[in-house]
Amino acid sequence: MHPKNHTAGRRPASGPHRRSRRASVAEQLASLAGRLTDRDRAILRLVFDHRVFTSHQLGEAFFGSHDRAEHRLRELADAEVLARFRPYRRHGEGSAPYHYVLGPAGAAVLAAEQGVELRRLGYRPDKALEVAHSQRLAHTVGVNGFFTALHAAARQHRAQGARLAAWWSERQCRERWEPIVRPDGYGRWHEDAREVDFFLEYDRGTEPLDRLTAKLAGYQKLATVTQVPTPVLFWLPTSGREASVRQALTDEPLWAAMPFLVATASPTLGRSPAEQAWLPLNQTWPRRRLVDLVDLGQGTDEAPLSPARS
């Protein structure tokens, strides 16, 4: 079988980083105690919270060099701190990047950090790797890529105090706000002593336009209930899709009465989500930085806040 069809994506045993499969949890923890860095542990927590990341995404969020990222992630996979797989790609599309999920040794480390038994963590290796076969894999990876791009921007703009102050997964959002809304993510971006909260609607160009526009009603209801007008951001795959979605949203009778800002952007501009990528729905120019959206209420001069703080 070709390597790209392997879900384990594991290298042969080599060196002290490879533990015996018969090692006990205690032996795993003892072996890893002096080898896991603060960055490694941050990676484990992120992967546990958000399920799956590509090597590129973890590289841009945590490393200054792609080669260094590949090397360290491979070491963590060899030690079963992480597990990795390569999704299938059709002939001619090239090899997919490695995708990383939490490994059994990593789960044991997180359980120890939290002072709980491993079973209380809710981790199972087979469940962790189920995402490799999920029809929503590309969507989940895309959403996570949006937020790791913000992590990368924070690393590049430390002098401005840039940081991703909050990131909630779709699961966390669902637990908090379903059935009113079900965003793909919720975030809080801090830069230049300002913060903007936002809901993310990540679009791969496959959802009917009327289904996208129907989401506005839920966000309107949430804003009415919470009295918090949090911006809703649509991240769209192409400039053509962005134009179509903007037209559909502005044709929706509800949008003009929205108490919150709606803005769109596309990665085809070559700008990260932190940069001047965002075009508010009630404007045609200029595009705005993410943090600048805090100053642009929909029909109000008040800065948007977040229902997560209410």
Protein backbone atom coordinates (compact mmCIF):
# COMPACT_ATOMS: atom_id res chain seq x y z
CA MET A 1 0.00 0.00 0.00
CA HIS A 2 1.28 3.48 -0.83
CA PRO A 3 2.43 5.45 2.25
CA LYS A 4 -0.15 8.17 1.70
CA ASN A 5 -2.89 5.64 2.40
CA HIS A 6 -1.48 4.75 5.81
CA THR A 7 -3.46 6.27 8.66
CA ALA A 8 -0.73 5.75 11.25
CA GLY A 9 1.99 7.49 9.22
CA ARG A 10 4.56 6.11 11.68
CA ARG A 11 8.31 5.84 11.12
CA PRO A 12 10.31 2.77 12.15
CA ALA A 13 11.56 2.70 15.72
CA SER A 14 14.70 4.78 16.16
CA GLY A 15 16.58 6.09 19.14
CA PRO A 16 15.41 6.85 22.67
CA HIS A 17 12.33 8.74 21.50
CA ARG A 18 10.57 5.46 20.66
CA ARG A 19 8.95 3.75 23.66
CA SER A 20 8.00 0.10 23.92
CA ARG A 21 4.35 -0.65 23.25
CA ARG A 22 4.36 -2.62 26.49
CA ALA A 23 5.48 0.36 28.57
CA SER A 24 3.10 1.29 31.37
CA VAL A 25 1.53 4.73 31.70
CA ALA A 26 3.88 5.43 34.60
CA GLU A 27 6.89 4.53 32.43
CA GLN A 28 5.59 6.78 29.65
CA LEU A 29 5.21 9.72 31.99
CA ALA A 30 8.64 9.16 33.55
CA SER A 31 10.24 8.94 30.12
CA LEU A 32 8.57 12.14 28.89
CA ALA A 33 9.03 14.21 32.05
CA GLY A 34 12.37 15.65 31.02
CA ARG A 35 11.76 15.74 27.28
CA LEU A 36 8.55 17.67 26.74
CA THR A 37 9.01 21.42 26.42
CA ASP A 38 6.43 24.08 27.27
CA ARG A 39 5.82 24.38 23.53
CA ASP A 40 5.21 20.64 23.24
CA ARG A 41 2.66 20.80 26.02
CA ALA A 42 0.93 23.80 24.39
CA ILE A 43 0.71 21.77 21.17
CA LEU A 44 -0.86 18.85 23.07
CA ARG A 45 -3.50 21.07 24.64
CA LEU A 46 -4.34 22.69 21.30
CA VAL A 47 -4.61 19.35 19.49
CA PHE A 48 -6.78 17.93 22.26
CA ASP A 49 -9.15 20.91 22.15
CA HIS A 50 -9.40 21.17 18.35
CA ARG A 51 -8.85 17.56 17.20
CA VAL A 52 -6.60 17.77 14.13
CA PHE A 53 -3.95 20.02 12.55
CA THR A 54 -1.63 19.76 9.58
CA SER A 55 2.12 20.00 10.04
CA HIS A 56 2.01 23.40 8.34
CA GLN A 57 -0.61 24.73 10.75
CA LEU A 58 1.30 23.63 13.83
CA GLY A 59 4.47 24.97 12.25
CA GLU A 60 3.11 28.46 11.66
CA ALA A 61 1.56 28.60 15.12
CA PHE A 62 4.53 27.39 17.15
CA PHE A 63 7.76 27.32 15.11
CA GLY A 64 9.89 29.76 13.18
CA SER A 65 11.01 27.13 10.67
CA HIS A 66 9.01 24.53 8.78
CA ASP A 67 11.91 22.08 8.92
CA ARG A 68 12.18 22.44 12.70
CA ALA A 69 8.43 21.91 12.99
CA GLU A 70 8.51 18.75 10.85
CA HIS A 71 11.41 17.36 12.86
CA ARG A 72 9.86 17.97 16.26
CA LEU A 73 6.40 16.79 15.27
CA ARG A 74 7.91 13.60 13.90
CA GLU A 75 9.71 13.05 17.22
CA LEU A 76 6.44 13.56 19.12
CA ALA A 77 4.69 11.09 16.82
CA ASP A 78 7.49 8.54 17.26
CA ALA A 79 7.02 8.82 21.03
CA GLU A 80 3.22 8.41 20.55
CA VAL A 81 2.67 11.81 22.13
CA LEU A 82 0.94 12.66 18.86
CA ALA A 83 -0.45 10.37 16.16
CA ARG A 84 -0.44 11.26 12.49
CA PHE A 85 -1.97 10.25 9.17
CA ARG A 86 -2.08 11.37 5.58
CA PRO A 87 -5.52 11.63 3.97
CA TYR A 88 -6.03 10.03 0.57
CA ARG A 89 -5.68 12.27 -2.45
CA ARG A 90 -6.67 11.41 -5.98
CA HIS A 91 -3.96 10.62 -8.52
CA GLY A 92 -2.20 13.76 -9.71
CA GLU A 93 -2.99 15.83 -6.61
CA GLY A 94 0.26 15.01 -4.85
CA SER A 95 0.74 13.78 -1.30
CA ALA A 96 -1.36 15.30 1.46
CA PRO A 97 0.53 16.81 4.41
CA TYR A 98 0.69 14.89 7.64
CA HIS A 99 -2.28 15.55 9.90
CA TYR A 100 -1.72 15.32 13.65
CA VAL A 101 -4.07 14.22 16.43
CA LEU A 102 -3.46 13.47 20.09
CA GLY A 103 -1.56 10.24 20.77
CA PRO A 104 -1.97 7.92 23.77
CA ALA A 105 1.19 9.16 25.52
CA GLY A 106 0.07 12.76 25.00
CA ALA A 107 -3.31 11.96 26.49
CA ALA A 108 -1.57 10.46 29.54
CA VAL A 109 0.44 13.68 29.94
CA LEU A 110 -2.67 15.86 29.75
CA ALA A 111 -4.52 13.67 32.24
CA ALA A 112 -1.59 13.94 34.65
CA GLU A 113 -1.50 17.73 34.22
CA GLN A 114 -5.19 17.95 35.08
CA GLY A 115 -4.89 15.48 37.95
CA VAL A 116 -7.49 13.11 36.53
CA GLU A 117 -7.48 9.46 35.47
CA LEU A 118 -6.91 8.90 31.77
CA ARG A 119 -10.43 7.54 31.29
CA ARG A 120 -11.85 10.80 32.70
CA LEU A 121 -10.14 12.69 29.90
CA GLY A 122 -12.49 11.02 27.43
CA TYR A 123 -9.63 9.99 25.15
CA ARG A 124 -9.50 6.85 23.02
CA PRO A 125 -6.89 6.34 20.27
CA ASP A 126 -9.46 4.98 17.83
CA LYS A 127 -11.79 7.93 18.46
CA ALA A 128 -8.92 10.39 17.98
CA LEU A 129 -8.15 8.90 14.57
CA GLU A 130 -11.78 8.72 13.44
CA VAL A 131 -11.38 12.24 12.08
CA ALA A 132 -9.10 10.76 9.38
CA HIS A 133 -12.20 9.22 7.80
CA SER A 134 -14.65 12.02 8.54
CA GLN A 135 -16.38 13.80 5.66
CA ARG A 136 -15.86 16.98 7.67
CA LEU A 137 -12.07 16.61 7.85
CA ALA A 138 -11.36 19.34 5.28
CA HIS A 139 -13.78 21.71 7.00
CA THR A 140 -12.32 21.09 10.46
CA VAL A 141 -8.77 21.55 9.16
CA GLY A 142 -9.82 24.72 7.33
CA VAL A 143 -11.36 26.26 10.45
CA ASN A 144 -8.28 25.37 12.47
CA GLY A 145 -6.08 26.89 9.76
CA PHE A 146 -7.92 30.19 10.12
CA PHE A 147 -7.07 30.33 13.81
CA THR A 148 -3.49 29.08 13.47
CA ALA A 149 -2.95 31.91 10.97
CA LEU A 150 -3.94 34.26 13.81
CA HIS A 151 -1.46 32.49 16.09
CA ALA A 152 1.21 33.08 13.44
CA ALA A 153 0.25 36.75 13.15
CA ALA A 154 0.53 37.10 16.92
CA ARG A 155 4.07 35.69 16.81
CA GLN A 156 4.99 38.19 14.09
CA HIS A 157 3.48 41.22 15.87
CA ARG A 158 4.44 40.72 19.49
CA ALA A 159 5.54 44.37 19.67
CA GLN A 160 1.91 45.41 19.17
CA GLY A 161 0.75 43.06 21.91
CA ALA A 162 -0.97 40.86 19.32
CA ARG A 163 -2.45 37.62 20.61
CA LEU A 164 -5.35 35.28 20.10
CA ALA A 165 -6.90 35.79 23.52
CA ALA A 166 -9.68 33.22 23.06
CA TRP A 167 -10.52 30.42 20.64
CA TRP A 168 -13.57 28.24 21.06
CA SER A 169 -14.12 25.22 18.84
CA GLU A 170 -17.36 24.38 17.06
CA ARG A 171 -18.07 21.88 19.84
CA GLN A 172 -17.60 24.52 22.55
CA CYS A 173 -19.80 26.97 20.63
CA ARG A 174 -22.48 24.33 20.21
CA GLU A 175 -22.49 23.59 23.93
CA ARG A 176 -22.87 27.30 24.71
CA TRP A 177 -25.22 28.62 22.03
CA GLU A 178 -27.05 25.81 20.25
CA PRO A 179 -29.78 25.71 19.02
CA ILE A 180 -29.77 29.49 18.48
CA VAL A 181 -26.54 29.56 16.47
CA ARG A 182 -23.84 27.08 15.57
CA PRO A 183 -20.75 29.01 14.46
CA ASP A 184 -17.64 27.24 13.22
CA GLY A 185 -15.65 29.02 15.89
CA TYR A 186 -15.52 31.95 18.25
CA GLY A 187 -12.45 34.08 18.83
CA ARG A 188 -11.10 37.14 20.58
CA TRP A 189 -8.23 39.00 18.94
CA HIS A 190 -6.09 41.47 20.88
CA GLU A 191 -3.81 44.02 19.20
CA ASP A 192 -2.72 47.62 19.87
CA ALA A 193 -4.43 47.57 23.30
CA ARG A 194 -7.80 46.75 21.68
CA GLU A 195 -9.83 43.56 21.46
CA VAL A 196 -12.47 42.35 19.05
CA ASP A 197 -14.67 39.31 19.59
CA PHE A 198 -16.14 37.49 16.62
CA PHE A 199 -18.06 34.47 15.39
CA LEU A 200 -16.53 32.65 12.42
CA GLU A 201 -18.51 31.21 9.54
CA TYR A 202 -16.00 29.23 7.50
CA ASP A 203 -17.19 28.45 3.97
CA ARG A 204 -15.69 26.00 1.48
CA GLY A 205 -17.99 27.05 -1.34
CA THR A 206 -20.23 23.99 -1.03
CA GLU A 207 -23.09 25.39 1.03
CA PRO A 208 -26.12 26.85 -0.78
CA LEU A 209 -26.31 30.63 -0.52
CA ASP A 210 -29.77 30.58 1.01
CA ARG A 211 -28.48 28.38 3.83
CA LEU A 212 -25.69 30.88 4.53
CA THR A 213 -28.04 33.84 4.60
CA ALA A 214 -30.49 31.97 6.85
CA LYS A 215 -27.84 31.98 9.57
CA LEU A 216 -28.32 35.72 10.08
CA ALA A 217 -31.67 35.11 11.80
CA GLY A 218 -30.00 33.02 14.49
CA TYR A 219 -27.32 35.60 15.13
CA GLN A 220 -29.98 38.31 15.31
CA LYS A 221 -31.87 36.27 17.91
CA LEU A 222 -28.69 35.72 19.95
CA ALA A 223 -27.84 39.43 19.87
CA THR A 224 -31.38 40.25 21.00
CA VAL A 225 -31.25 37.75 23.87
CA THR A 226 -27.77 38.68 25.09
CA GLN A 227 -27.85 42.38 24.15
CA VAL A 228 -24.31 41.84 22.83
CA PRO A 229 -23.72 42.66 19.12
CA THR A 230 -20.79 40.37 18.32
CA PRO A 231 -19.44 40.63 14.74
CA VAL A 232 -20.05 37.69 12.39
CA LEU A 233 -17.20 37.02 9.95
CA PHE A 234 -17.52 34.99 6.74
CA TRP A 235 -14.21 33.53 5.52
CA LEU A 236 -14.74 32.50 1.88
CA PRO A 237 -12.58 30.40 -0.46
CA THR A 238 -12.39 32.69 -3.50
CA SER A 239 -13.04 36.31 -4.42
CA GLY A 240 -15.87 35.17 -6.69
CA ARG A 241 -17.52 33.28 -3.86
CA GLU A 242 -17.08 36.32 -1.63
CA ALA A 243 -18.85 38.53 -4.16
CA SER A 244 -21.72 36.04 -4.47
CA VAL A 245 -22.11 35.70 -0.71
CA ARG A 246 -22.02 39.47 -0.18
CA GLN A 247 -24.76 39.92 -2.76
CA ALA A 248 -26.88 37.18 -1.17
CA LEU A 249 -26.42 38.61 2.32
CA THR A 250 -27.33 42.15 1.29
CA ASP A 251 -30.39 40.83 -0.55
CA GLU A 252 -31.55 39.25 2.73
CA PRO A 253 -34.18 41.61 4.23
CA LEU A 254 -32.91 40.99 7.75
CA TRP A 255 -29.37 42.20 7.22
CA ALA A 256 -30.02 45.96 7.28
CA ALA A 257 -31.57 45.64 10.73
CA MET A 258 -28.72 43.55 12.15
CA PRO A 259 -27.43 45.06 15.42
CA PHE A 260 -24.02 43.51 14.79
CA LEU A 261 -21.32 43.89 12.15
CA VAL A 262 -21.11 41.39 9.28
CA ALA A 263 -17.85 41.28 7.30
CA THR A 264 -16.35 39.05 4.60
CA ALA A 265 -12.85 38.11 3.49
CA SER A 266 -11.03 35.57 1.33
CA PRO A 267 -7.52 34.10 1.51
CA THR A 268 -7.14 34.78 -2.22
CA LEU A 269 -6.15 38.33 -1.25
CA GLY A 270 -2.95 36.87 0.18
CA ARG A 271 -3.59 38.43 3.59
CA SER A 272 -3.89 36.73 6.94
CA PRO A 273 -7.14 37.06 8.92
CA ALA A 274 -5.40 39.62 11.18
CA GLU A 275 -4.55 41.94 8.28
CA GLN A 276 -6.57 44.28 6.07
CA ALA A 277 -8.68 41.48 4.66
CA TRP A 278 -12.13 42.34 6.02
CA LEU A 279 -14.83 44.18 4.12
CA PRO A 280 -17.89 45.11 6.21
CA LEU A 281 -21.16 44.30 4.50
CA ASN A 282 -22.38 47.89 4.67
CA GLN A 283 -19.22 49.25 3.02
CA THR A 284 -17.48 48.85 -0.33
CA TRP A 285 -14.02 50.08 0.68
CA PRO A 286 -11.54 50.01 2.36
CA ARG A 287 -10.81 46.59 3.78
CA ARG A 288 -10.06 46.58 7.48
CA ARG A 289 -7.71 44.85 9.88
CA LEU A 290 -9.40 42.41 12.21
CA VAL A 291 -8.83 44.57 15.29
CA ASP A 292 -10.26 47.62 13.51
CA LEU A 293 -13.65 45.90 13.29
CA VAL A 294 -14.14 46.68 16.99
CA ASP A 295 -14.72 50.31 16.00
CA LEU A 296 -17.35 49.50 13.38
CA GLY A 297 -20.74 48.65 14.81
CA GLN A 298 -23.61 47.86 12.45
CA GLY A 299 -25.70 50.97 12.70
CA THR A 300 -24.17 51.97 16.03
CA ASP A 301 -21.12 53.82 17.28
CA GLU A 302 -20.67 51.41 20.18
CA ALA A 303 -17.90 48.83 20.05
CA PRO A 304 -19.15 45.25 19.69
CA LEU A 305 -18.70 42.96 22.67
CA SER A 306 -19.06 39.23 23.14
CA PRO A 307 -21.84 36.99 24.43
CA ALA A 308 -19.08 34.78 25.86
CA ARG A 309 -18.48 37.53 28.43
CA SER A 310 -22.13 37.94 29.32
